[in-house]
Amino acid sequence: MSLQALATLVHYSKGHLSKVENGEKPASSQLARSCDKALGAGGELLLAYQAGLGAPRAQPQRPAQLPMSTVPFIGRTMQLAALDAAFDRFRTKSREAAAVIVVDGMAGVGKTALMLQWAHRVAEQFPGGVLFYDLRPGGVAADAAQVLAGFLQALGIRAEEIPQETVERAALYRTLLAKRRVLVVLDNAVSAEQVRPQLPSAPGSLVLVGSRDRLPGLVARNGATRVTLQPLSTNESCELFRQVTRQRQLGVAPATVAEVVGRCGHLPLALRIAAESLLAGAQGVLNGLGSNAVCLDLLSAGNDEGASIRAAFEQSYRALDDEVAHAFRLLGRHAETGTSLAAAALLLDTDEATAWRRLDALYQVHLVEQPSRGRYRVHRLLRVYAAELAALDRQKCDEGSRRLLEWYQRTAQEALCVLLSPEHDGAVVETGRFPTSEHAWRWCKAEELNLRLAIAHADRLNMDAVSIELSDVTRILSLLRHGNCSPSSPLERPRLGSGKEPVGSY
């Protein structure tokens, strides 16, 4: 076939084809695909083109794209050890594909800091280099085609040689990594689907993914190891705050440090911003952190959205659907110590199965946590954020709160009736929710703090009858055990003569 005839079939000029033939212009995946179709080559020309891109040429520099580590870096001994253990398993066991590790946790908990700290430690173990990409820059999810284009250029592919289609870019990327050991760090991943195009197919490489989402799909389908971050311990939080302020020779009293740490909820990002506010001479920082009205305003470093607690929370919240977002606003009012599924269903005005699905959606993105099985809690700063949102939806949120508080009132009264009735002690009889005093006391013990908080919520909503009755119940429960009526006394199991202790731990 003449060059002119081929040009007609593939819709390229004869001059362009001539320059490609003579090496004056690079070929492209589109040209290879068009020639495949025109010549009936069955895809061989496209494969040859891709193989040519992956063939050795002038050796590119080893990519070393890791940003600098966060300093000072405090704590995380167990999590670093977990990453080391996962890396050791990866090195010692034969694998069919690249290893994947997911570091997940709530916004501001220090995922990026941990990943960079560990990645710098192991970078030399990957002679093929280190690739890094923030998958949600500025809060907008990065497109896979964009990420792959950046990686391909880092691996030595010229911009004009990068295929147009995302699938072809991913194929070329996997080809290039087939014989290299590369560490790929993907920060702020939105979903498993966003991550998968960047996963090498050949063994030898390791992918480290950071996300606010637990990414269960990567664990289930791609065999990822999960390392979940919680807020720092009290000692670690205090040490981080002291080191940040000490760098500028600012002495802060231990009592002040402890108070700031508590009001920041032990979140590393919040602690760093609070320390910077003190260093900058901001007035009223300590009092402001204790005020829901200005707390999140103080935890913002100027116009830097990457150093703003509110901006970090907003990214997670905006991704929720309407029903789940409504659940978050309501839970933020009440899930301080641990809300049961039954209570959450009342709060959300739905059945327990539906409530569980909404709670699980929040749990998967770390907007609620599970301190124990079947109980849900919202972090202090997230509760402040939820309160801001609830103020914009006050009527519906107040309706939910009233349902929950009335349920606490009814259920607490029922529990107290069972506890005060000798015929129920140790007997299995039909008395509604609590067939025996054991069941009633277990519920009272589990809901102790929630009952006391419910009194304050009832006062706020002017639910005087509920507030008075709940106050009476908590006093009587204390009296049963201690012989006093202090509402601040801890609830303990009354001695009702059964000689049995409650089943399970509280």
Protein backbone atom coordinates (compact mmCIF):
# COMPACT_ATOMS: atom_id res chain seq x y z
CA MET A 1 0.00 0.00 0.00
CA SER A 2 1.33 3.41 -0.93
CA LEU A 3 1.86 6.12 1.67
CA GLN A 4 -0.82 8.23 -0.03
CA ALA A 5 -3.36 5.41 0.16
CA LEU A 6 -2.60 4.86 3.84
CA ALA A 7 -2.91 8.58 4.50
CA THR A 8 -6.39 8.53 2.99
CA LEU A 9 -7.49 5.59 5.14
CA VAL A 10 -6.16 6.92 8.46
CA HIS A 11 -7.06 10.57 7.86
CA TYR A 12 -3.52 11.84 8.33
CA SER A 13 -1.60 13.81 5.69
CA LYS A 14 1.01 12.07 3.57
CA GLY A 15 3.57 14.59 4.82
CA HIS A 16 2.82 13.74 8.46
CA LEU A 17 3.16 10.01 7.80
CA SER A 18 6.42 10.61 5.96
CA LYS A 19 7.89 12.50 8.93
CA VAL A 20 6.81 9.74 11.31
CA GLU A 21 8.36 7.16 8.99
CA ASN A 22 11.65 9.09 8.88
CA GLY A 23 11.72 9.71 12.64
CA GLU A 24 11.16 13.45 12.31
CA LYS A 25 7.91 13.26 14.30
CA PRO A 26 6.88 10.86 17.07
CA ALA A 27 4.11 8.38 16.48
CA SER A 28 1.02 8.43 18.69
CA SER A 29 -1.37 5.87 20.09
CA GLN A 30 -4.14 7.32 17.92
CA LEU A 31 -2.06 6.90 14.76
CA ALA A 32 -1.13 3.35 15.75
CA ARG A 33 -4.77 2.51 16.37
CA SER A 34 -5.86 4.01 13.03
CA CYS A 35 -3.16 2.08 11.15
CA ASP A 36 -4.20 -1.11 12.95
CA LYS A 37 -7.74 -0.66 11.70
CA ALA A 38 -6.75 0.32 8.15
CA LEU A 39 -4.27 -2.54 7.73
CA GLY A 40 -6.24 -5.17 9.67
CA ALA A 41 -3.30 -5.75 12.01
CA GLY A 42 -5.48 -6.85 14.93
CA GLY A 43 -3.92 -4.46 17.45
CA GLU A 44 -0.31 -5.47 16.79
CA LEU A 45 0.76 -1.97 15.75
CA LEU A 46 -0.64 -0.45 18.94
CA LEU A 47 1.13 -3.08 21.03
CA ALA A 48 4.36 -2.42 19.15
CA TYR A 49 3.95 1.31 19.74
CA GLN A 50 3.42 0.78 23.49
CA ALA A 51 6.33 -1.64 23.68
CA GLY A 52 8.50 0.95 21.99
CA LEU A 53 7.57 3.50 24.63
CA GLY A 54 8.50 1.07 27.35
CA ALA A 55 11.78 0.08 25.69
CA PRO A 56 15.07 1.35 27.10
CA ARG A 57 16.16 4.78 25.96
CA ALA A 58 18.25 7.46 27.54
CA GLN A 59 17.89 6.46 31.18
CA PRO A 60 15.61 8.97 32.97
CA GLN A 61 16.52 10.21 36.40
CA ARG A 62 15.18 8.11 39.27
CA PRO A 63 11.96 9.88 40.35
CA ALA A 64 12.07 11.11 43.95
CA GLN A 65 8.79 12.97 44.35
CA LEU A 66 8.20 12.73 48.11
CA PRO A 67 7.48 16.09 49.76
CA MET A 68 9.43 16.92 52.90
CA SER A 69 8.38 15.24 56.13
CA THR A 70 6.25 17.05 58.67
CA VAL A 71 8.31 18.31 61.60
CA PRO A 72 8.24 17.78 64.46
CA PHE A 73 6.87 14.27 64.13
CA ILE A 74 5.66 12.84 67.43
CA GLY A 75 4.44 9.39 68.43
CA ARG A 76 2.79 6.86 66.12
CA THR A 77 5.16 4.12 67.27
CA MET A 78 2.58 1.36 66.85
CA GLN A 79 1.48 2.58 63.42
CA LEU A 80 5.05 2.84 62.16
CA ALA A 81 5.64 -0.69 63.43
CA ALA A 82 2.51 -1.86 61.60
CA LEU A 83 3.80 -0.32 58.36
CA ASP A 84 7.19 -1.97 58.91
CA ALA A 85 5.51 -5.33 59.50
CA ALA A 86 3.44 -5.00 56.33
CA PHE A 87 6.60 -4.08 54.40
CA ASP A 88 8.45 -7.08 55.81
CA ARG A 89 5.64 -9.40 54.71
CA PHE A 90 5.75 -7.81 51.28
CA ARG A 91 9.50 -8.41 50.96
CA THR A 92 9.61 -11.97 52.26
CA LYS A 93 6.55 -13.49 50.60
CA SER A 94 6.16 -14.09 46.89
CA ARG A 95 3.31 -12.04 45.52
CA GLU A 96 1.31 -12.04 42.34
CA ALA A 97 0.93 -8.25 42.27
CA ALA A 98 2.18 -5.08 43.90
CA ALA A 99 1.49 -4.64 47.61
CA VAL A 100 -1.03 -2.04 48.79
CA ILE A 101 -1.20 -0.38 52.22
CA VAL A 102 -4.06 1.94 53.19
CA VAL A 103 -3.56 4.54 55.94
CA ASP A 104 -7.00 5.82 56.91
CA GLY A 105 -8.37 8.18 59.55
CA MET A 106 -10.42 11.31 60.11
CA ALA A 107 -9.46 14.69 58.69
CA GLY A 108 -6.55 16.28 60.54
CA VAL A 109 -5.44 13.10 62.30
CA GLY A 110 -1.99 13.06 60.66
CA LYS A 111 -2.23 10.54 57.83
CA THR A 112 0.02 12.50 55.47
CA ALA A 113 2.59 13.11 58.20
CA LEU A 114 2.78 9.39 59.02
CA MET A 115 2.97 8.33 55.38
CA LEU A 116 5.76 10.77 54.55
CA GLN A 117 7.70 9.87 57.69
CA TRP A 118 7.60 6.18 56.84
CA ALA A 119 8.04 6.60 53.07
CA HIS A 120 11.26 8.58 53.55
CA ARG A 121 12.54 5.77 55.79
CA VAL A 122 12.04 3.06 53.16
CA ALA A 123 12.56 5.05 49.95
CA GLU A 124 16.04 3.63 49.36
CA GLN A 125 14.54 0.13 49.22
CA PHE A 126 12.96 1.05 45.88
CA PRO A 127 15.67 1.48 43.22
CA GLY A 128 13.05 2.40 40.61
CA GLY A 129 12.18 5.56 42.52
CA VAL A 130 9.32 7.10 44.46
CA LEU A 131 6.17 8.59 42.91
CA PHE A 132 3.83 10.88 44.85
CA TYR A 133 0.45 12.42 44.02
CA ASP A 134 -2.19 14.29 46.02
CA LEU A 135 -5.43 12.84 44.69
CA ARG A 136 -7.59 15.65 46.08
CA PRO A 137 -5.73 18.94 45.64
CA GLY A 138 -7.81 21.87 46.81
CA GLY A 139 -10.67 19.54 47.68
CA VAL A 140 -11.28 18.47 44.05
CA ALA A 141 -10.74 14.81 43.18
CA ALA A 142 -7.91 14.37 40.67
CA ASP A 143 -8.68 12.65 37.39
CA ALA A 144 -6.92 9.33 36.80
CA ALA A 145 -5.75 10.48 33.36
CA GLN A 146 -4.08 13.51 34.94
CA VAL A 147 -2.37 11.42 37.62
CA LEU A 148 -1.10 8.88 35.10
CA ALA A 149 0.22 11.62 32.80
CA GLY A 150 2.28 13.01 35.65
CA PHE A 151 3.64 9.60 36.56
CA LEU A 152 4.48 8.73 32.95
CA GLN A 153 6.49 11.92 32.54
CA ALA A 154 8.30 11.21 35.81
CA LEU A 155 9.16 7.79 34.39
CA GLY A 156 10.71 9.31 31.26
CA ILE A 157 7.87 9.48 28.74
CA ARG A 158 7.75 12.73 26.78
CA ALA A 159 4.47 14.66 26.96
CA GLU A 160 3.78 14.22 23.24
CA GLU A 161 4.19 10.45 23.58
CA ILE A 162 1.60 10.04 26.33
CA PRO A 163 -1.54 8.24 25.03
CA GLN A 164 -4.79 10.17 25.01
CA GLU A 165 -6.99 7.48 26.52
CA THR A 166 -6.87 6.77 30.26
CA VAL A 167 -6.92 3.01 29.67
CA GLU A 168 -3.88 3.25 27.41
CA ARG A 169 -2.05 5.47 29.89
CA ALA A 170 -2.69 2.90 32.61
CA ALA A 171 -1.45 0.09 30.35
CA LEU A 172 1.74 1.98 29.52
CA TYR A 173 2.25 2.83 33.20
CA ARG A 174 1.99 -0.84 34.14
CA THR A 175 4.39 -1.75 31.33
CA LEU A 176 6.98 0.71 32.59
CA LEU A 177 6.72 -0.60 36.16
CA ALA A 178 6.82 -4.28 35.18
CA LYS A 179 10.59 -4.45 35.71
CA ARG A 180 11.01 -1.72 38.32
CA ARG A 181 10.59 -1.61 42.08
CA VAL A 182 8.80 1.65 42.77
CA LEU A 183 7.13 3.13 45.85
CA VAL A 184 3.91 4.89 44.84
CA VAL A 185 2.38 7.24 47.45
CA LEU A 186 -1.19 8.36 46.80
CA ASP A 187 -2.49 10.88 49.33
CA ASN A 188 -6.09 11.96 49.96
CA ALA A 189 -7.71 9.19 47.94
CA VAL A 190 -11.45 9.60 47.50
CA SER A 191 -12.36 6.03 46.53
CA ALA A 192 -10.94 2.67 45.54
CA GLU A 193 -11.97 3.37 41.94
CA GLN A 194 -9.78 6.47 41.92
CA VAL A 195 -6.78 4.47 43.15
CA ARG A 196 -6.95 1.34 40.98
CA PRO A 197 -5.61 2.85 37.71
CA GLN A 198 -2.38 3.68 39.58
CA LEU A 199 -1.85 0.14 40.92
CA PRO A 200 1.05 -1.68 39.20
CA SER A 201 0.20 -5.19 38.06
CA ALA A 202 3.63 -6.77 38.52
CA PRO A 203 5.14 -7.70 41.90
CA GLY A 204 7.96 -5.65 43.34
CA SER A 205 6.34 -2.26 43.79
CA LEU A 206 4.42 -0.98 46.80
CA VAL A 207 1.51 1.47 46.85
CA LEU A 208 0.86 3.52 50.00
CA VAL A 209 -2.59 5.12 50.03
CA GLY A 210 -3.88 7.76 52.44
CA SER A 211 -7.60 8.39 52.75
CA ARG A 212 -10.39 9.59 55.03
CA ASP A 213 -12.37 6.69 53.59
CA ARG A 214 -11.66 3.22 54.94
CA LEU A 215 -11.51 2.00 51.31
CA PRO A 216 -12.90 -1.48 52.04
CA GLY A 217 -12.86 -2.26 48.32
CA LEU A 218 -9.06 -2.09 48.20
CA VAL A 219 -8.88 -4.48 51.14
CA ALA A 220 -11.44 -6.90 49.70
CA ARG A 221 -10.40 -6.90 46.03
CA ASN A 222 -6.76 -5.85 46.06
CA GLY A 223 -5.57 -7.41 49.31
CA ALA A 224 -4.61 -4.09 50.89
CA THR A 225 -3.33 -3.93 54.46
CA ARG A 226 -5.13 -1.28 56.53
CA VAL A 227 -3.49 0.93 59.16
CA THR A 228 -6.06 3.15 60.89
CA LEU A 229 -5.04 6.31 62.75
CA GLN A 230 -6.75 7.58 65.88
CA PRO A 231 -6.08 10.97 67.54
CA LEU A 232 -2.82 11.17 69.49
CA SER A 233 -2.62 10.11 73.11
CA THR A 234 -2.61 12.83 75.76
CA ASN A 235 1.15 12.54 76.30
CA GLU A 236 1.88 12.61 72.56
CA SER A 237 -0.42 15.59 72.07
CA CYS A 238 1.23 17.55 74.86
CA GLU A 239 4.69 16.74 73.52
CA LEU A 240 3.74 17.85 69.99
CA PHE A 241 2.34 21.14 71.27
CA ARG A 242 5.39 21.75 73.47
CA GLN A 243 7.82 21.05 70.65
CA VAL A 244 6.03 23.34 68.18
CA THR A 245 5.99 26.21 70.67
CA ARG A 246 9.50 25.47 71.95
CA GLN A 247 10.93 25.95 68.46
CA ARG A 248 10.12 29.65 68.87
CA GLN A 249 11.18 29.83 72.52
CA LEU A 250 7.62 30.31 73.75
CA GLY A 251 7.13 28.84 77.18
CA VAL A 252 3.61 27.56 77.85
CA ALA A 253 2.46 26.44 81.29
CA PRO A 254 1.73 22.69 81.57
CA ALA A 255 -1.86 23.38 82.63
CA THR A 256 -2.39 25.51 79.53
CA VAL A 257 -0.90 22.82 77.31
CA ALA A 258 -3.21 20.19 78.78
CA GLU A 259 -6.25 22.42 78.28
CA VAL A 260 -5.38 23.24 74.67
CA VAL A 261 -4.78 19.56 73.93
CA GLY A 262 -8.20 18.62 75.26
CA ARG A 263 -9.99 21.36 73.37
CA CYS A 264 -8.22 20.38 70.14
CA GLY A 265 -9.42 16.81 70.55
CA HIS A 266 -5.83 15.49 70.27
CA LEU A 267 -5.82 16.12 66.50
CA PRO A 268 -2.28 16.90 65.26
CA LEU A 269 -3.45 19.46 62.68
CA ALA A 270 -5.55 21.30 65.26
CA LEU A 271 -2.68 21.26 67.76
CA ARG A 272 -0.23 22.71 65.23
CA ILE A 273 -2.64 25.49 64.25
CA ALA A 274 -3.41 26.32 67.89
CA ALA A 275 0.31 26.46 68.65
CA GLU A 276 0.85 28.78 65.69
CA SER A 277 -1.97 31.03 66.93
CA LEU A 278 -0.25 31.33 70.29
CA LEU A 279 3.09 31.99 68.61
CA ALA A 280 1.48 34.72 66.52
CA GLY A 281 0.21 36.39 69.66
CA ALA A 282 -3.48 35.77 69.00
CA GLN A 283 -5.54 36.94 71.94
CA GLY A 284 -8.01 34.70 73.73
CA VAL A 285 -6.86 31.51 72.03
CA LEU A 286 -7.50 29.32 75.06
CA ASN A 287 -10.95 30.73 75.81
CA GLY A 288 -11.82 30.69 72.12
CA LEU A 289 -11.03 26.99 71.79
CA GLY A 290 -13.60 26.32 74.50
CA SER A 291 -16.30 28.25 72.64
CA ASN A 292 -18.25 26.49 69.91
CA ALA A 293 -18.91 29.86 68.29
CA VAL A 294 -15.28 30.63 67.43
CA CYS A 295 -13.41 27.34 67.96
CA LEU A 296 -13.16 26.37 64.29
CA ASP A 297 -12.36 29.96 63.30
CA LEU A 298 -9.29 29.85 65.54
CA LEU A 299 -8.20 26.50 64.08
CA SER A 300 -7.45 27.99 60.68
CA ALA A 301 -4.04 29.22 59.51
CA GLY A 302 -5.00 32.22 57.42
CA ASN A 303 -6.08 31.46 53.85
CA ASP A 304 -4.31 28.10 53.70
CA GLU A 305 -7.10 25.55 53.24
CA GLY A 306 -4.58 22.80 53.89
CA ALA A 307 -4.21 24.19 57.41
CA SER A 308 -7.87 24.65 58.31
CA ILE A 309 -9.89 22.22 60.40
CA ARG A 310 -13.21 23.51 59.06
CA ALA A 311 -12.05 23.18 55.44
CA ALA A 312 -10.86 19.64 56.14
CA PHE A 313 -14.22 18.69 57.65
CA GLU A 314 -16.12 20.34 54.79
CA GLN A 315 -14.40 18.12 52.24
CA SER A 316 -15.70 15.03 54.01
CA TYR A 317 -19.18 16.45 54.63
CA ARG A 318 -19.80 17.63 51.06
CA ALA A 319 -19.34 14.09 49.74
CA LEU A 320 -22.30 12.77 51.79
CA ASP A 321 -25.75 12.23 50.34
CA ASP A 322 -28.61 14.21 51.90
CA GLU A 323 -29.90 11.56 54.32
CA VAL A 324 -26.45 10.70 55.62
CA ALA A 325 -25.58 14.39 55.96
CA HIS A 326 -28.76 14.91 58.01
CA ALA A 327 -27.76 11.98 60.22
CA PHE A 328 -24.37 13.61 60.82
CA ARG A 329 -25.96 16.91 61.85
CA LEU A 330 -28.23 15.15 64.34
CA LEU A 331 -25.59 12.81 65.75
CA GLY A 332 -23.27 15.74 66.32
CA ARG A 333 -25.68 16.93 69.00
CA HIS A 334 -25.88 13.71 70.95
CA ALA A 335 -23.07 11.26 70.10
CA GLU A 336 -20.61 12.59 72.65
CA THR A 337 -20.05 9.51 74.77
CA GLY A 338 -21.51 6.76 72.58
CA THR A 339 -25.01 6.51 71.11
CA SER A 340 -26.67 3.12 70.68
CA LEU A 341 -28.21 1.99 67.42
CA ALA A 342 -31.68 2.06 69.01
CA ALA A 343 -31.20 5.65 70.14
CA ALA A 344 -29.85 6.65 66.73
CA ALA A 345 -32.91 5.16 65.02
CA LEU A 346 -35.19 7.25 67.25
CA LEU A 347 -33.09 10.32 66.59
CA LEU A 348 -33.26 9.80 62.82
CA ASP A 349 -36.94 8.77 62.90
CA THR A 350 -36.33 5.52 61.05
CA ASP A 351 -35.90 1.80 61.66
CA GLU A 352 -32.68 0.32 63.00
CA ALA A 353 -31.65 -1.24 59.67
CA THR A 354 -31.85 2.11 57.88
CA ALA A 355 -30.16 3.89 60.78
CA TRP A 356 -27.33 1.36 60.64
CA ARG A 357 -26.78 2.00 56.93
CA ARG A 358 -26.51 5.74 57.50
CA LEU A 359 -24.25 5.31 60.50
CA ASP A 360 -22.06 2.91 58.55
CA ALA A 361 -21.75 5.45 55.73
CA LEU A 362 -20.48 7.97 58.30
CA TYR A 363 -18.23 5.37 59.91
CA GLN A 364 -16.62 4.49 56.57
CA VAL A 365 -15.45 8.10 56.14
CA HIS A 366 -14.49 8.64 59.81
CA LEU A 367 -17.25 11.13 60.60
CA VAL A 368 -18.35 8.84 63.42
CA GLU A 369 -16.36 6.24 65.33
CA GLN A 370 -17.34 3.08 67.17
CA PRO A 371 -15.78 3.09 70.65
CA SER A 372 -17.47 -0.27 71.21
CA ARG A 373 -19.65 -2.57 69.19
CA GLY A 374 -23.03 -1.06 68.42
CA ARG A 375 -22.25 2.38 69.85
CA TYR A 376 -21.35 5.48 67.87
CA ARG A 377 -19.44 8.58 68.91
CA VAL A 378 -18.54 11.85 67.18
CA HIS A 379 -15.19 13.57 67.79
CA ARG A 380 -15.33 16.82 69.77
CA LEU A 381 -14.34 19.10 66.89
CA LEU A 382 -16.67 17.29 64.52
CA ARG A 383 -19.48 17.93 67.02
CA VAL A 384 -18.65 21.63 66.88
CA TYR A 385 -18.81 21.50 63.09
CA ALA A 386 -22.07 19.52 63.16
CA ALA A 387 -23.56 22.13 65.52
CA GLU A 388 -22.78 24.85 62.98
CA LEU A 389 -24.60 22.87 60.31
CA ALA A 390 -27.51 21.98 62.60
CA ALA A 391 -28.10 25.68 63.25
CA LEU A 392 -29.03 25.98 59.57
CA ASP A 393 -31.54 23.14 59.93
CA ARG A 394 -32.70 23.86 63.48
CA GLN A 395 -36.35 22.80 63.23
CA LYS A 396 -35.67 19.28 61.94
CA CYS A 397 -32.74 18.83 64.29
CA ASP A 398 -34.82 19.97 67.27
CA GLU A 399 -37.55 17.51 66.30
CA GLY A 400 -35.01 14.69 66.26
CA SER A 401 -33.61 15.75 69.63
CA ARG A 402 -37.08 15.84 71.17
CA ARG A 403 -37.82 12.30 69.95
CA LEU A 404 -34.60 11.02 71.46
CA LEU A 405 -35.00 12.81 74.79
CA GLU A 406 -38.57 11.56 75.21
CA TRP A 407 -37.32 8.04 74.45
CA TYR A 408 -34.63 8.37 77.12
CA GLN A 409 -37.32 9.56 79.54
CA ARG A 410 -39.67 6.63 78.83
CA THR A 411 -36.94 4.00 78.79
CA ALA A 412 -35.27 5.27 81.97
CA GLN A 413 -38.62 5.22 83.77
CA GLU A 414 -39.24 1.66 82.62
CA ALA A 415 -35.77 0.59 83.76
CA LEU A 416 -36.32 2.19 87.15
CA CYS A 417 -39.68 0.45 87.57
CA VAL A 418 -38.02 -2.90 86.97
CA LEU A 419 -35.17 -2.11 89.38
CA LEU A 420 -37.61 -1.07 92.12
CA SER A 421 -39.86 -4.12 91.72
CA PRO A 422 -38.64 -7.07 93.83
CA GLU A 423 -40.70 -9.55 91.84
CA HIS A 424 -38.57 -8.83 88.77
CA ASP A 425 -35.22 -9.47 90.42
CA GLY A 426 -33.66 -12.47 88.74
CA ALA A 427 -36.95 -13.50 87.18
CA VAL A 428 -37.59 -13.75 83.46
CA VAL A 429 -40.96 -12.06 83.04
CA GLU A 430 -42.51 -9.97 80.33
CA THR A 431 -41.97 -6.32 81.24
CA GLY A 432 -41.33 -4.78 77.84
CA ARG A 433 -37.74 -3.83 77.10
CA PHE A 434 -36.27 -5.20 80.34
CA PRO A 435 -37.35 -8.73 81.33
CA THR A 436 -35.10 -8.72 84.44
CA SER A 437 -33.30 -6.27 86.70
CA GLU A 438 -30.04 -7.43 85.11
CA HIS A 439 -31.18 -6.12 81.73
CA ALA A 440 -32.45 -2.88 83.24
CA TRP A 441 -29.23 -2.23 85.08
CA ARG A 442 -27.08 -2.99 82.08
CA TRP A 443 -29.00 -0.38 80.10
CA CYS A 444 -28.68 2.20 82.90
CA LYS A 445 -24.96 1.59 83.18
CA ALA A 446 -24.41 1.86 79.41
CA GLU A 447 -26.50 5.04 79.17
CA GLU A 448 -25.26 6.71 82.37
CA LEU A 449 -23.50 9.64 80.72
CA ASN A 450 -26.15 9.97 78.03
CA LEU A 451 -28.88 10.29 80.67
CA ARG A 452 -27.02 13.13 82.35
CA LEU A 453 -26.35 14.84 79.03
CA ALA A 454 -30.02 14.39 78.12
CA ILE A 455 -30.96 16.57 81.10
CA ALA A 456 -28.85 19.43 79.72
CA HIS A 457 -30.28 18.95 76.22
CA ALA A 458 -33.82 18.96 77.63
CA ASP A 459 -33.11 22.22 79.47
CA ARG A 460 -31.84 23.78 76.25
CA LEU A 461 -35.01 22.78 74.42
CA ASN A 462 -37.25 23.91 77.32
CA MET A 463 -38.47 20.35 77.84
CA ASP A 464 -39.02 20.91 81.55
CA ALA A 465 -40.99 17.72 82.25
CA VAL A 466 -38.33 15.55 80.61
CA SER A 467 -35.52 17.35 82.43
CA ILE A 468 -37.22 16.98 85.82
CA GLU A 469 -38.10 13.31 85.36
CA LEU A 470 -34.63 12.38 84.11
CA SER A 471 -33.10 14.25 87.05
CA ASP A 472 -35.32 12.29 89.42
CA VAL A 473 -34.37 9.00 87.79
CA THR A 474 -30.63 9.64 88.03
CA ARG A 475 -30.96 10.66 91.70
CA ILE A 476 -32.95 7.56 92.57
CA LEU A 477 -30.47 5.31 90.76
CA SER A 478 -27.66 6.85 92.78
CA LEU A 479 -29.67 6.49 95.98
CA LEU A 480 -30.25 2.80 95.34
CA ARG A 481 -26.56 2.11 95.49
CA HIS A 482 -24.96 4.89 97.52
CA GLY A 483 -27.65 6.15 99.80
CA ASN A 484 -27.36 9.70 98.45
CA CYS A 485 -29.10 11.73 95.76
CA SER A 486 -26.18 13.39 94.03
CA PRO A 487 -26.77 13.43 90.25
CA SER A 488 -23.02 13.43 89.71
CA SER A 489 -22.53 10.13 91.52
CA PRO A 490 -21.56 7.25 89.24
CA LEU A 491 -24.24 4.68 88.54
CA GLU A 492 -23.51 1.27 89.94
CA ARG A 493 -25.54 -1.89 90.12
CA PRO A 494 -27.95 -1.85 93.09
CA ARG A 495 -27.89 -4.78 95.48
CA LEU A 496 -31.28 -6.32 94.84
CA GLY A 497 -30.61 -9.66 96.44
CA SER A 498 -29.97 -11.77 93.34
CA GLY A 499 -26.31 -12.20 94.13
CA LYS A 500 -25.54 -12.00 90.41
CA GLU A 501 -23.34 -9.46 88.66
CA PRO A 502 -24.32 -7.93 85.30
CA VAL A 503 -23.26 -9.92 82.27
CA GLY A 504 -20.68 -8.41 79.93
CA SER A 505 -18.45 -5.38 80.21
CA TYR A 506 -19.57 -1.81 80.28
